[in-house]
């Protein structure tokens, strides 16, 4: 995801430690093969965050609310998945000074961006944070309804809307011998 609206300038916020700033955004998002992306055709999300400066970065707390259109894994019909998330994360400086006992700075310690979000100069980029939170909040099995009947594996009829005349007793030719044996054994 790469929305310009999600790149927030925090230069003024960082001038005073523990100062706060509220951010409210509305953004239209959709789910694709590469994750969450911004699109005018997507569903609207409301993002309300409180940014708080700290000596080593910016704390981000708030909520993400909206619906995202998904495809049911059983019947392949589109449906809207409700998302209501609480956010509490931290954007840290890319490097921090390592202080000695006398208060002298010995060296700068580099922070890896793999497991944490990093400040990018005077900006925080909420794109990765938003993508991570939304992807982790979505169910692994996408179902329009827990009682979804799916589609017929033979004719493709959506069994939620109508039934089909396909036989349920169809046996795969590779398993025919097993069926005959079970019938003989009484199982």
N, C-alpha and C. Protein backbone atom coordinates (compact mmCIF):
# COMPACT_ATOMS: atom_id res chain seq x y z
N UNK A 1 0.84 -1.17 0.00
CA UNK A 1 0.00 0.00 0.00
C UNK A 1 0.90 1.24 0.00
N UNK A 2 0.49 2.25 -0.73
CA UNK A 2 1.32 3.45 -0.80
C UNK A 2 0.44 4.70 -0.94
N UNK A 3 -0.27 5.03 0.13
CA UNK A 3 -1.13 6.20 0.13
C UNK A 3 -0.37 7.42 0.64
N UNK A 4 -0.46 8.54 -0.09
CA UNK A 4 0.19 9.77 0.36
C UNK A 4 -0.47 10.31 1.62
N UNK A 5 -1.77 10.03 1.79
CA UNK A 5 -2.50 10.50 2.97
C UNK A 5 -2.00 9.87 4.26
N UNK A 6 -1.34 8.73 4.16
CA UNK A 6 -0.88 8.01 5.34
C UNK A 6 0.57 8.34 5.70
N UNK A 7 1.14 9.32 5.03
CA UNK A 7 2.49 9.79 5.39
C UNK A 7 2.32 11.09 6.16
N UNK A 8 2.55 11.02 7.47
CA UNK A 8 2.24 12.11 8.39
C UNK A 8 3.52 12.83 8.80
N UNK A 9 3.51 14.16 8.67
CA UNK A 9 4.65 14.97 9.10
C UNK A 9 4.57 15.14 10.62
N UNK A 10 5.64 14.72 11.32
CA UNK A 10 5.67 14.80 12.78
C UNK A 10 6.76 15.73 13.29
N UNK A 11 7.30 16.60 12.42
CA UNK A 11 8.38 17.51 12.82
C UNK A 11 7.95 18.40 13.98
N UNK A 12 6.76 19.00 13.89
CA UNK A 12 6.26 19.87 14.96
C UNK A 12 6.02 19.07 16.24
N UNK A 13 5.49 17.88 16.10
CA UNK A 13 5.20 17.01 17.25
C UNK A 13 6.49 16.62 17.98
N UNK A 14 7.55 16.36 17.25
CA UNK A 14 8.81 15.88 17.84
C UNK A 14 9.59 16.98 18.55
N UNK A 15 9.22 18.24 18.36
CA UNK A 15 9.94 19.34 19.02
C UNK A 15 9.75 19.33 20.53
N UNK A 16 8.59 18.87 20.99
CA UNK A 16 8.30 18.83 22.42
C UNK A 16 7.99 17.39 22.81
N UNK A 17 8.77 16.86 23.73
CA UNK A 17 8.60 15.49 24.16
C UNK A 17 7.24 15.30 24.86
N UNK A 18 6.58 14.23 24.56
CA UNK A 18 5.28 13.84 25.11
C UNK A 18 4.13 14.75 24.66
N UNK A 19 4.33 15.50 23.58
CA UNK A 19 3.22 16.27 23.02
C UNK A 19 2.36 15.32 22.18
N UNK A 20 1.11 15.72 21.96
CA UNK A 20 0.16 14.85 21.27
C UNK A 20 -0.49 15.57 20.10
N UNK A 21 -0.88 14.76 19.12
CA UNK A 21 -1.58 15.28 17.94
C UNK A 21 -2.58 14.23 17.48
N UNK A 22 -3.80 14.67 17.19
CA UNK A 22 -4.83 13.75 16.70
C UNK A 22 -4.83 13.77 15.18
N UNK A 23 -5.03 12.59 14.61
CA UNK A 23 -5.10 12.43 13.15
C UNK A 23 -6.36 11.64 12.83
N UNK A 24 -7.20 12.18 11.95
CA UNK A 24 -8.40 11.47 11.47
C UNK A 24 -8.35 11.43 9.95
N UNK A 25 -8.54 10.24 9.42
CA UNK A 25 -8.49 10.05 7.97
C UNK A 25 -9.63 9.16 7.52
N UNK A 26 -10.12 9.41 6.32
CA UNK A 26 -11.03 8.49 5.65
C UNK A 26 -10.32 8.05 4.39
N UNK A 27 -10.30 6.75 4.17
CA UNK A 27 -9.58 6.21 3.03
C UNK A 27 -10.35 5.02 2.48
N UNK A 28 -10.34 4.86 1.17
CA UNK A 28 -11.04 3.73 0.53
C UNK A 28 -10.03 2.64 0.23
N UNK A 29 -10.31 1.44 0.77
CA UNK A 29 -9.37 0.32 0.67
C UNK A 29 -10.04 -0.91 0.09
N UNK A 30 -9.22 -1.74 -0.53
CA UNK A 30 -9.67 -3.03 -1.06
C UNK A 30 -8.58 -4.06 -0.79
N UNK A 31 -8.94 -5.33 -0.90
CA UNK A 31 -8.02 -6.43 -0.69
C UNK A 31 -7.67 -7.05 -2.03
N UNK A 32 -6.37 -7.19 -2.28
CA UNK A 32 -5.91 -7.83 -3.51
C UNK A 32 -4.90 -8.92 -3.21
N UNK A 33 -4.30 -9.47 -4.24
CA UNK A 33 -3.33 -10.55 -4.06
C UNK A 33 -2.09 -10.09 -3.30
N UNK A 34 -1.75 -8.82 -3.42
CA UNK A 34 -0.55 -8.29 -2.77
C UNK A 34 -0.85 -7.67 -1.40
N UNK A 35 -2.09 -7.75 -0.95
CA UNK A 35 -2.45 -7.17 0.34
C UNK A 35 -3.50 -6.09 0.17
N UNK A 36 -3.50 -5.15 1.08
CA UNK A 36 -4.47 -4.05 1.10
C UNK A 36 -3.96 -2.94 0.18
N UNK A 37 -4.86 -2.34 -0.60
CA UNK A 37 -4.46 -1.22 -1.45
C UNK A 37 -5.57 -0.17 -1.49
N UNK A 38 -5.17 1.05 -1.80
CA UNK A 38 -6.11 2.18 -1.87
C UNK A 38 -6.69 2.25 -3.27
N UNK A 39 -8.02 2.41 -3.35
CA UNK A 39 -8.69 2.51 -4.63
C UNK A 39 -10.03 3.23 -4.46
N UNK A 40 -10.45 4.05 -5.43
CA UNK A 40 -11.74 4.74 -5.32
C UNK A 40 -12.92 3.76 -5.24
N UNK A 41 -12.75 2.53 -5.77
CA UNK A 41 -13.82 1.53 -5.75
C UNK A 41 -13.87 0.77 -4.43
N UNK A 42 -12.90 0.98 -3.56
CA UNK A 42 -12.83 0.23 -2.30
C UNK A 42 -13.85 0.71 -1.28
N UNK A 43 -13.90 0.01 -0.17
CA UNK A 43 -14.80 0.35 0.92
C UNK A 43 -14.14 1.42 1.80
N UNK A 44 -14.96 2.26 2.42
CA UNK A 44 -14.44 3.37 3.21
C UNK A 44 -14.02 2.91 4.61
N UNK A 45 -12.85 3.35 5.02
CA UNK A 45 -12.33 3.09 6.36
C UNK A 45 -12.14 4.41 7.07
N UNK A 46 -12.46 4.41 8.36
CA UNK A 46 -12.25 5.59 9.21
C UNK A 46 -11.08 5.27 10.13
N UNK A 47 -10.06 6.12 10.08
CA UNK A 47 -8.87 5.93 10.89
C UNK A 47 -8.76 7.12 11.83
N UNK A 48 -8.76 6.84 13.14
CA UNK A 48 -8.61 7.88 14.16
C UNK A 48 -7.43 7.49 15.04
N UNK A 49 -6.41 8.35 15.03
CA UNK A 49 -5.18 8.04 15.77
C UNK A 49 -4.77 9.20 16.65
N UNK A 50 -4.10 8.86 17.73
CA UNK A 50 -3.47 9.84 18.60
C UNK A 50 -1.97 9.58 18.53
N UNK A 51 -1.22 10.57 18.06
CA UNK A 51 0.23 10.46 17.97
C UNK A 51 0.83 11.15 19.19
N UNK A 52 1.79 10.49 19.84
CA UNK A 52 2.44 11.06 21.02
C UNK A 52 3.94 10.94 20.86
N UNK A 53 4.63 12.07 20.97
CA UNK A 53 6.09 12.06 20.80
C UNK A 53 6.75 11.50 22.05
N UNK A 54 7.89 10.88 21.85
CA UNK A 54 8.72 10.35 22.93
C UNK A 54 10.17 10.65 22.56
N UNK A 55 11.10 10.53 23.49
CA UNK A 55 12.50 10.84 23.17
C UNK A 55 13.06 9.97 22.03
N UNK A 56 12.54 8.75 21.89
CA UNK A 56 13.08 7.85 20.89
C UNK A 56 12.12 7.53 19.75
N UNK A 57 11.01 8.28 19.62
CA UNK A 57 10.10 8.04 18.51
C UNK A 57 8.71 8.59 18.75
N UNK A 58 7.72 7.94 18.12
CA UNK A 58 6.32 8.38 18.18
C UNK A 58 5.43 7.18 18.46
N UNK A 59 4.60 7.30 19.50
CA UNK A 59 3.63 6.26 19.82
C UNK A 59 2.36 6.56 19.04
N UNK A 60 1.75 5.51 18.46
CA UNK A 60 0.54 5.65 17.67
C UNK A 60 -0.54 4.77 18.32
N UNK A 61 -1.64 5.42 18.74
CA UNK A 61 -2.77 4.70 19.33
C UNK A 61 -4.04 5.17 18.67
N UNK A 62 -5.02 4.28 18.57
CA UNK A 62 -6.30 4.69 17.99
C UNK A 62 -7.10 3.53 17.47
N UNK A 63 -7.97 3.84 16.50
CA UNK A 63 -8.86 2.83 15.94
C UNK A 63 -8.88 2.87 14.42
N UNK A 64 -9.16 1.72 13.84
CA UNK A 64 -9.38 1.57 12.40
C UNK A 64 -10.71 0.85 12.25
N UNK A 65 -11.66 1.48 11.55
CA UNK A 65 -12.99 0.89 11.39
C UNK A 65 -13.42 0.96 9.94
N UNK A 66 -14.06 -0.10 9.50
CA UNK A 66 -14.60 -0.13 8.15
C UNK A 66 -14.98 -1.53 7.74
N UNK A 67 -15.27 -1.69 6.47
CA UNK A 67 -15.58 -2.99 5.89
C UNK A 67 -14.72 -3.19 4.67
N UNK A 68 -14.32 -4.43 4.45
CA UNK A 68 -13.52 -4.73 3.27
C UNK A 68 -14.21 -5.84 2.50
N UNK A 69 -14.29 -5.69 1.18
CA UNK A 69 -14.97 -6.69 0.37
C UNK A 69 -14.05 -7.88 0.17
N UNK A 70 -14.60 -9.07 0.42
CA UNK A 70 -13.84 -10.30 0.27
C UNK A 70 -14.66 -11.28 -0.55
N UNK A 71 -14.04 -12.41 -0.90
CA UNK A 71 -14.72 -13.46 -1.64
C UNK A 71 -14.81 -14.70 -0.75
N UNK A 72 -16.00 -15.26 -0.62
CA UNK A 72 -16.21 -16.43 0.22
C UNK A 72 -15.43 -17.62 -0.35
N UNK A 73 -14.74 -18.35 0.51
CA UNK A 73 -13.95 -19.51 0.09
C UNK A 73 -14.83 -20.70 -0.31
N UNK A 74 -16.07 -20.73 0.14
CA UNK A 74 -16.96 -21.86 -0.18
C UNK A 74 -17.83 -21.62 -1.41
N UNK A 75 -18.49 -20.45 -1.46
CA UNK A 75 -19.44 -20.21 -2.56
C UNK A 75 -18.91 -19.22 -3.60
N UNK A 76 -17.77 -18.59 -3.33
CA UNK A 76 -17.11 -17.65 -4.24
C UNK A 76 -17.89 -16.36 -4.46
N UNK A 77 -18.89 -16.08 -3.61
CA UNK A 77 -19.67 -14.84 -3.70
C UNK A 77 -18.94 -13.74 -2.92
N UNK A 78 -19.02 -12.48 -3.40
CA UNK A 78 -18.43 -11.38 -2.63
C UNK A 78 -19.26 -11.08 -1.38
N UNK A 79 -18.58 -10.65 -0.32
CA UNK A 79 -19.26 -10.24 0.91
C UNK A 79 -18.39 -9.20 1.61
N UNK A 80 -18.98 -8.45 2.52
CA UNK A 80 -18.26 -7.41 3.27
C UNK A 80 -17.87 -7.94 4.65
N UNK A 81 -16.58 -7.85 4.97
CA UNK A 81 -16.06 -8.27 6.27
C UNK A 81 -15.86 -7.02 7.12
N UNK A 82 -16.52 -6.96 8.25
CA UNK A 82 -16.42 -5.82 9.17
C UNK A 82 -15.08 -5.86 9.89
N UNK A 83 -14.44 -4.71 10.01
CA UNK A 83 -13.15 -4.60 10.71
C UNK A 83 -13.27 -3.47 11.72
N UNK A 84 -12.93 -3.76 12.97
CA UNK A 84 -12.96 -2.77 14.05
C UNK A 84 -11.73 -3.05 14.93
N UNK A 85 -10.67 -2.30 14.72
CA UNK A 85 -9.38 -2.58 15.35
C UNK A 85 -8.92 -1.48 16.29
N UNK A 86 -8.21 -1.90 17.32
CA UNK A 86 -7.49 -0.96 18.17
C UNK A 86 -6.02 -1.02 17.78
N UNK A 87 -5.41 0.15 17.66
CA UNK A 87 -4.01 0.26 17.27
C UNK A 87 -3.22 0.80 18.45
N UNK A 88 -2.07 0.19 18.71
CA UNK A 88 -1.14 0.70 19.71
C UNK A 88 0.25 0.23 19.29
N UNK A 89 1.00 1.12 18.68
CA UNK A 89 2.32 0.76 18.17
C UNK A 89 3.28 1.92 18.32
N UNK A 90 4.51 1.70 17.92
CA UNK A 90 5.56 2.70 18.12
C UNK A 90 6.43 2.81 16.88
N UNK A 91 6.69 4.04 16.46
CA UNK A 91 7.64 4.33 15.39
C UNK A 91 8.90 4.85 16.06
N UNK A 92 10.01 4.13 15.92
CA UNK A 92 11.24 4.56 16.59
C UNK A 92 12.21 5.21 15.60
N UNK A 93 13.14 5.96 16.17
CA UNK A 93 14.19 6.59 15.38
C UNK A 93 15.02 5.49 14.71
N UNK A 94 15.53 5.71 13.51
CA UNK A 94 16.34 4.69 12.85
C UNK A 94 17.66 4.40 13.57
N UNK A 95 18.13 5.35 14.36
CA UNK A 95 19.32 5.10 15.16
C UNK A 95 19.19 5.88 16.47
N UNK A 96 19.73 5.30 17.52
CA UNK A 96 19.66 5.92 18.84
C UNK A 96 21.06 6.05 19.41
N UNK A 97 21.33 7.13 20.16
CA UNK A 97 22.66 7.28 20.76
C UNK A 97 22.84 6.32 21.94
N UNK A 98 24.03 5.76 22.04
CA UNK A 98 24.37 4.90 23.17
C UNK A 98 25.19 5.76 24.13
N UNK A 99 24.66 5.98 25.31
CA UNK A 99 25.27 6.89 26.28
C UNK A 99 26.21 6.13 27.22
N UNK A 100 27.28 6.79 27.58
CA UNK A 100 28.23 6.25 28.58
C UNK A 100 27.81 6.78 29.95
N UNK A 101 28.47 6.31 30.99
CA UNK A 101 28.14 6.72 32.35
C UNK A 101 28.30 8.22 32.56
N UNK A 102 29.25 8.85 31.95
CA UNK A 102 29.50 10.27 32.12
C UNK A 102 28.57 11.14 31.29
N UNK A 103 27.62 10.53 30.56
CA UNK A 103 26.70 11.29 29.72
C UNK A 103 27.24 11.54 28.33
N UNK A 104 28.38 10.95 27.99
CA UNK A 104 28.95 11.11 26.66
C UNK A 104 28.33 10.10 25.70
N UNK A 105 28.15 10.51 24.46
CA UNK A 105 27.63 9.61 23.44
C UNK A 105 28.78 8.80 22.89
N UNK A 106 28.68 7.48 23.03
CA UNK A 106 29.75 6.60 22.55
C UNK A 106 29.58 6.30 21.06
N UNK A 107 28.36 5.92 20.66
CA UNK A 107 28.10 5.57 19.26
C UNK A 107 26.60 5.62 19.00
N UNK A 108 26.24 5.50 17.75
CA UNK A 108 24.84 5.41 17.35
C UNK A 108 24.51 3.93 17.13
N UNK A 109 23.42 3.47 17.69
CA UNK A 109 22.98 2.10 17.51
C UNK A 109 21.89 2.10 16.44
N UNK A 110 22.10 1.31 15.39
CA UNK A 110 21.12 1.22 14.31
C UNK A 110 19.97 0.32 14.72
N UNK A 111 18.74 0.72 14.40
CA UNK A 111 17.55 -0.06 14.69
C UNK A 111 17.10 -0.73 13.39
N UNK A 112 16.85 -2.01 13.46
CA UNK A 112 16.38 -2.76 12.29
C UNK A 112 14.91 -2.46 12.04
N UNK A 113 14.55 -2.28 10.79
CA UNK A 113 13.16 -2.01 10.44
C UNK A 113 12.35 -3.27 10.21
N UNK A 114 12.95 -4.45 10.45
CA UNK A 114 12.24 -5.70 10.20
C UNK A 114 11.11 -5.94 11.19
N UNK A 115 11.36 -5.71 12.46
CA UNK A 115 10.37 -6.00 13.50
C UNK A 115 9.75 -4.75 14.10
N UNK A 116 10.09 -3.59 13.59
CA UNK A 116 9.55 -2.36 14.14
C UNK A 116 9.32 -1.35 13.01
N UNK A 117 8.53 -0.37 13.30
CA UNK A 117 8.27 0.71 12.35
C UNK A 117 9.26 1.82 12.64
N UNK A 118 9.83 2.40 11.58
CA UNK A 118 10.85 3.43 11.75
C UNK A 118 10.33 4.78 11.27
N UNK A 119 10.78 5.83 11.96
CA UNK A 119 10.55 7.20 11.49
C UNK A 119 11.35 7.39 10.21
N UNK A 120 10.77 8.11 9.27
CA UNK A 120 11.47 8.42 8.02
C UNK A 120 11.71 9.92 7.98
N UNK A 121 12.79 10.35 8.60
CA UNK A 121 13.08 11.78 8.72
C UNK A 121 12.07 12.42 9.66
N UNK A 122 11.29 13.38 9.14
CA UNK A 122 10.26 14.07 9.93
C UNK A 122 8.87 13.48 9.70
N UNK A 123 8.80 12.28 9.12
CA UNK A 123 7.52 11.67 8.78
C UNK A 123 7.38 10.27 9.37
N UNK A 124 6.14 9.89 9.62
CA UNK A 124 5.84 8.48 9.87
C UNK A 124 4.97 8.02 8.72
N UNK A 125 5.23 6.83 8.23
CA UNK A 125 4.49 6.25 7.11
C UNK A 125 3.58 5.18 7.68
N UNK A 126 2.28 5.45 7.71
CA UNK A 126 1.31 4.53 8.29
C UNK A 126 0.87 3.43 7.33
N UNK A 127 1.38 3.43 6.10
CA UNK A 127 0.98 2.43 5.11
C UNK A 127 1.25 1.00 5.58
N UNK A 128 2.47 0.72 6.01
CA UNK A 128 2.80 -0.64 6.45
C UNK A 128 2.05 -1.01 7.72
N UNK A 129 1.92 -0.07 8.64
CA UNK A 129 1.19 -0.34 9.88
C UNK A 129 -0.26 -0.72 9.57
N UNK A 130 -0.91 0.06 8.73
CA UNK A 130 -2.30 -0.19 8.37
C UNK A 130 -2.43 -1.54 7.67
N UNK A 131 -1.56 -1.83 6.73
CA UNK A 131 -1.59 -3.10 6.02
C UNK A 131 -1.41 -4.27 6.99
N UNK A 132 -0.43 -4.17 7.89
CA UNK A 132 -0.16 -5.24 8.85
C UNK A 132 -1.37 -5.50 9.76
N UNK A 133 -1.93 -4.44 10.31
CA UNK A 133 -3.07 -4.59 11.22
C UNK A 133 -4.28 -5.19 10.51
N UNK A 134 -4.56 -4.72 9.28
CA UNK A 134 -5.73 -5.22 8.56
C UNK A 134 -5.55 -6.68 8.13
N UNK A 135 -4.41 -7.01 7.59
CA UNK A 135 -4.19 -8.39 7.14
C UNK A 135 -4.28 -9.35 8.32
N UNK A 136 -3.70 -8.98 9.46
CA UNK A 136 -3.75 -9.86 10.63
C UNK A 136 -5.16 -9.97 11.23
N UNK A 137 -6.01 -8.98 10.98
CA UNK A 137 -7.37 -9.00 11.53
C UNK A 137 -8.33 -9.82 10.68
N UNK A 138 -7.98 -10.05 9.43
CA UNK A 138 -8.90 -10.78 8.55
C UNK A 138 -8.86 -12.28 8.87
N UNK A 139 -10.00 -12.94 8.75
CA UNK A 139 -10.02 -14.38 9.04
C UNK A 139 -9.21 -15.16 8.01
N UNK A 140 -8.65 -16.28 8.45
CA UNK A 140 -7.90 -17.13 7.53
C UNK A 140 -8.84 -17.76 6.52
N UNK A 141 -9.96 -18.24 7.00
CA UNK A 141 -11.00 -18.83 6.14
C UNK A 141 -12.04 -17.76 5.89
N UNK A 142 -12.16 -17.30 4.66
CA UNK A 142 -13.10 -16.24 4.32
C UNK A 142 -14.48 -16.86 4.05
N UNK A 143 -15.43 -16.63 4.96
CA UNK A 143 -16.77 -17.18 4.81
C UNK A 143 -17.81 -16.07 4.87
N UNK A 144 -18.74 -16.08 3.92
CA UNK A 144 -19.82 -15.09 3.93
C UNK A 144 -20.76 -15.33 5.09
N UNK A 145 -20.85 -16.60 5.53
CA UNK A 145 -21.71 -16.99 6.64
C UNK A 145 -21.17 -18.32 7.17
N UNK A 146 -21.23 -18.52 8.46
CA UNK A 146 -20.72 -19.78 9.02
C UNK A 146 -21.52 -20.98 8.53
N UNK A 147 -22.75 -20.76 8.06
CA UNK A 147 -23.60 -21.83 7.54
C UNK A 147 -23.55 -21.92 6.01
N UNK A 148 -22.59 -21.29 5.37
CA UNK A 148 -22.49 -21.30 3.91
C UNK A 148 -22.37 -22.74 3.40
N UNK A 149 -23.20 -23.09 2.43
CA UNK A 149 -23.22 -24.45 1.88
C UNK A 149 -22.24 -24.63 0.73
N UNK A 150 -21.72 -23.54 0.20
CA UNK A 150 -20.74 -23.64 -0.88
C UNK A 150 -21.37 -23.88 -2.23
N UNK A 151 -20.57 -24.43 -3.14
CA UNK A 151 -21.05 -24.73 -4.49
C UNK A 151 -20.94 -26.24 -4.73
N UNK A 152 -21.78 -26.73 -5.62
CA UNK A 152 -21.73 -28.14 -5.98
C UNK A 152 -20.42 -28.41 -6.72
N UNK A 153 -19.72 -29.43 -6.31
CA UNK A 153 -18.42 -29.72 -6.93
C UNK A 153 -18.57 -30.30 -8.33
N UNK A 154 -19.79 -30.69 -8.71
CA UNK A 154 -19.99 -31.27 -10.04
C UNK A 154 -20.52 -30.24 -11.03
N UNK A 155 -21.58 -29.50 -10.66
CA UNK A 155 -22.20 -28.59 -11.63
C UNK A 155 -21.93 -27.11 -11.36
N UNK A 156 -21.43 -26.77 -10.15
CA UNK A 156 -21.09 -25.39 -9.83
C UNK A 156 -22.24 -24.55 -9.31
N UNK A 157 -23.40 -25.14 -9.05
CA UNK A 157 -24.54 -24.40 -8.52
C UNK A 157 -24.24 -23.91 -7.10
N UNK A 158 -24.58 -22.65 -6.83
CA UNK A 158 -24.43 -22.12 -5.48
C UNK A 158 -25.54 -22.72 -4.63
N UNK A 159 -25.18 -23.60 -3.69
CA UNK A 159 -26.14 -24.33 -2.88
C UNK A 159 -26.83 -23.47 -1.83
N UNK A 160 -26.40 -22.23 -1.65
CA UNK A 160 -27.08 -21.30 -0.75
C UNK A 160 -28.38 -20.78 -1.35
N UNK A 161 -28.46 -20.75 -2.69
CA UNK A 161 -29.60 -20.18 -3.39
C UNK A 161 -30.52 -21.23 -4.00
N UNK A 162 -29.97 -22.37 -4.38
CA UNK A 162 -30.79 -23.42 -4.99
C UNK A 162 -30.10 -24.76 -4.84
N UNK A 163 -30.86 -25.82 -5.06
CA UNK A 163 -30.27 -27.16 -5.02
C UNK A 163 -30.05 -27.63 -6.45
N UNK A 164 -29.32 -28.71 -6.58
CA UNK A 164 -29.05 -29.25 -7.92
C UNK A 164 -29.46 -30.72 -7.95
N UNK A 165 -29.44 -31.31 -9.12
CA UNK A 165 -29.86 -32.70 -9.29
C UNK A 165 -28.68 -33.65 -9.37
N UNK A 166 -27.51 -33.19 -8.94
CA UNK A 166 -26.34 -34.06 -8.99
C UNK A 166 -26.47 -35.18 -7.97
N UNK A 167 -25.96 -36.35 -8.31
CA UNK A 167 -26.03 -37.50 -7.40
C UNK A 167 -25.01 -37.34 -6.29
N UNK A 168 -25.45 -37.64 -5.07
CA UNK A 168 -24.54 -37.62 -3.93
C UNK A 168 -23.77 -38.92 -3.80
N UNK A 169 -24.27 -39.97 -4.46
CA UNK A 169 -23.64 -41.28 -4.31
C UNK A 169 -22.55 -41.54 -5.35
N UNK A 170 -22.14 -40.52 -6.06
CA UNK A 170 -21.08 -40.67 -7.05
C UNK A 170 -19.79 -41.13 -6.37
N UNK A 171 -19.15 -42.13 -6.92
CA UNK A 171 -17.89 -42.65 -6.40
C UNK A 171 -16.82 -42.45 -7.47
N UNK A 172 -15.74 -41.89 -7.06
CA UNK A 172 -14.58 -41.73 -7.93
C UNK A 172 -14.15 -43.12 -8.40
N UNK A 173 -13.90 -43.27 -9.69
CA UNK A 173 -13.53 -44.58 -10.26
C UNK A 173 -12.31 -45.18 -9.57
N UNK A 174 -11.43 -44.34 -9.05
CA UNK A 174 -10.23 -44.85 -8.38
C UNK A 174 -10.56 -45.49 -7.04
N UNK A 175 -11.72 -45.17 -6.48
CA UNK A 175 -12.12 -45.72 -5.18
C UNK A 175 -13.22 -46.77 -5.29
N UNK A 176 -13.61 -47.16 -6.51
CA UNK A 176 -14.68 -48.12 -6.73
C UNK A 176 -14.41 -49.45 -6.04
N UNK A 177 -13.19 -49.96 -6.14
CA UNK A 177 -12.82 -51.25 -5.51
C UNK A 177 -12.97 -51.17 -3.98
N UNK A 178 -12.60 -50.05 -3.39
CA UNK A 178 -12.74 -49.87 -1.95
C UNK A 178 -14.21 -49.91 -1.56
N UNK A 179 -15.08 -49.28 -2.35
CA UNK A 179 -16.52 -49.30 -2.07
C UNK A 179 -17.06 -50.72 -2.15
N UNK A 180 -16.63 -51.46 -3.17
CA UNK A 180 -17.09 -52.86 -3.29
C UNK A 180 -16.64 -53.67 -2.08
N UNK A 181 -15.43 -53.52 -1.66
CA UNK A 181 -14.91 -54.26 -0.51
C UNK A 181 -15.70 -53.91 0.76
N UNK A 182 -15.93 -52.58 0.98
CA UNK A 182 -16.70 -52.15 2.15
C UNK A 182 -18.12 -52.70 2.13
N UNK A 183 -18.75 -52.74 0.94
CA UNK A 183 -20.10 -53.29 0.82
C UNK A 183 -20.12 -54.77 1.18
N UNK A 184 -19.08 -55.52 0.78
CA UNK A 184 -18.99 -56.95 1.11
C UNK A 184 -18.79 -57.18 2.60
N UNK A 185 -18.00 -56.34 3.22
CA UNK A 185 -17.70 -56.48 4.64
C UNK A 185 -18.82 -55.96 5.53
N UNK A 186 -19.76 -55.27 4.95
CA UNK A 186 -20.87 -54.74 5.74
C UNK A 186 -20.54 -53.42 6.42
N UNK A 187 -19.53 -52.73 5.95
CA UNK A 187 -19.10 -51.49 6.59
C UNK A 187 -19.59 -50.34 5.90
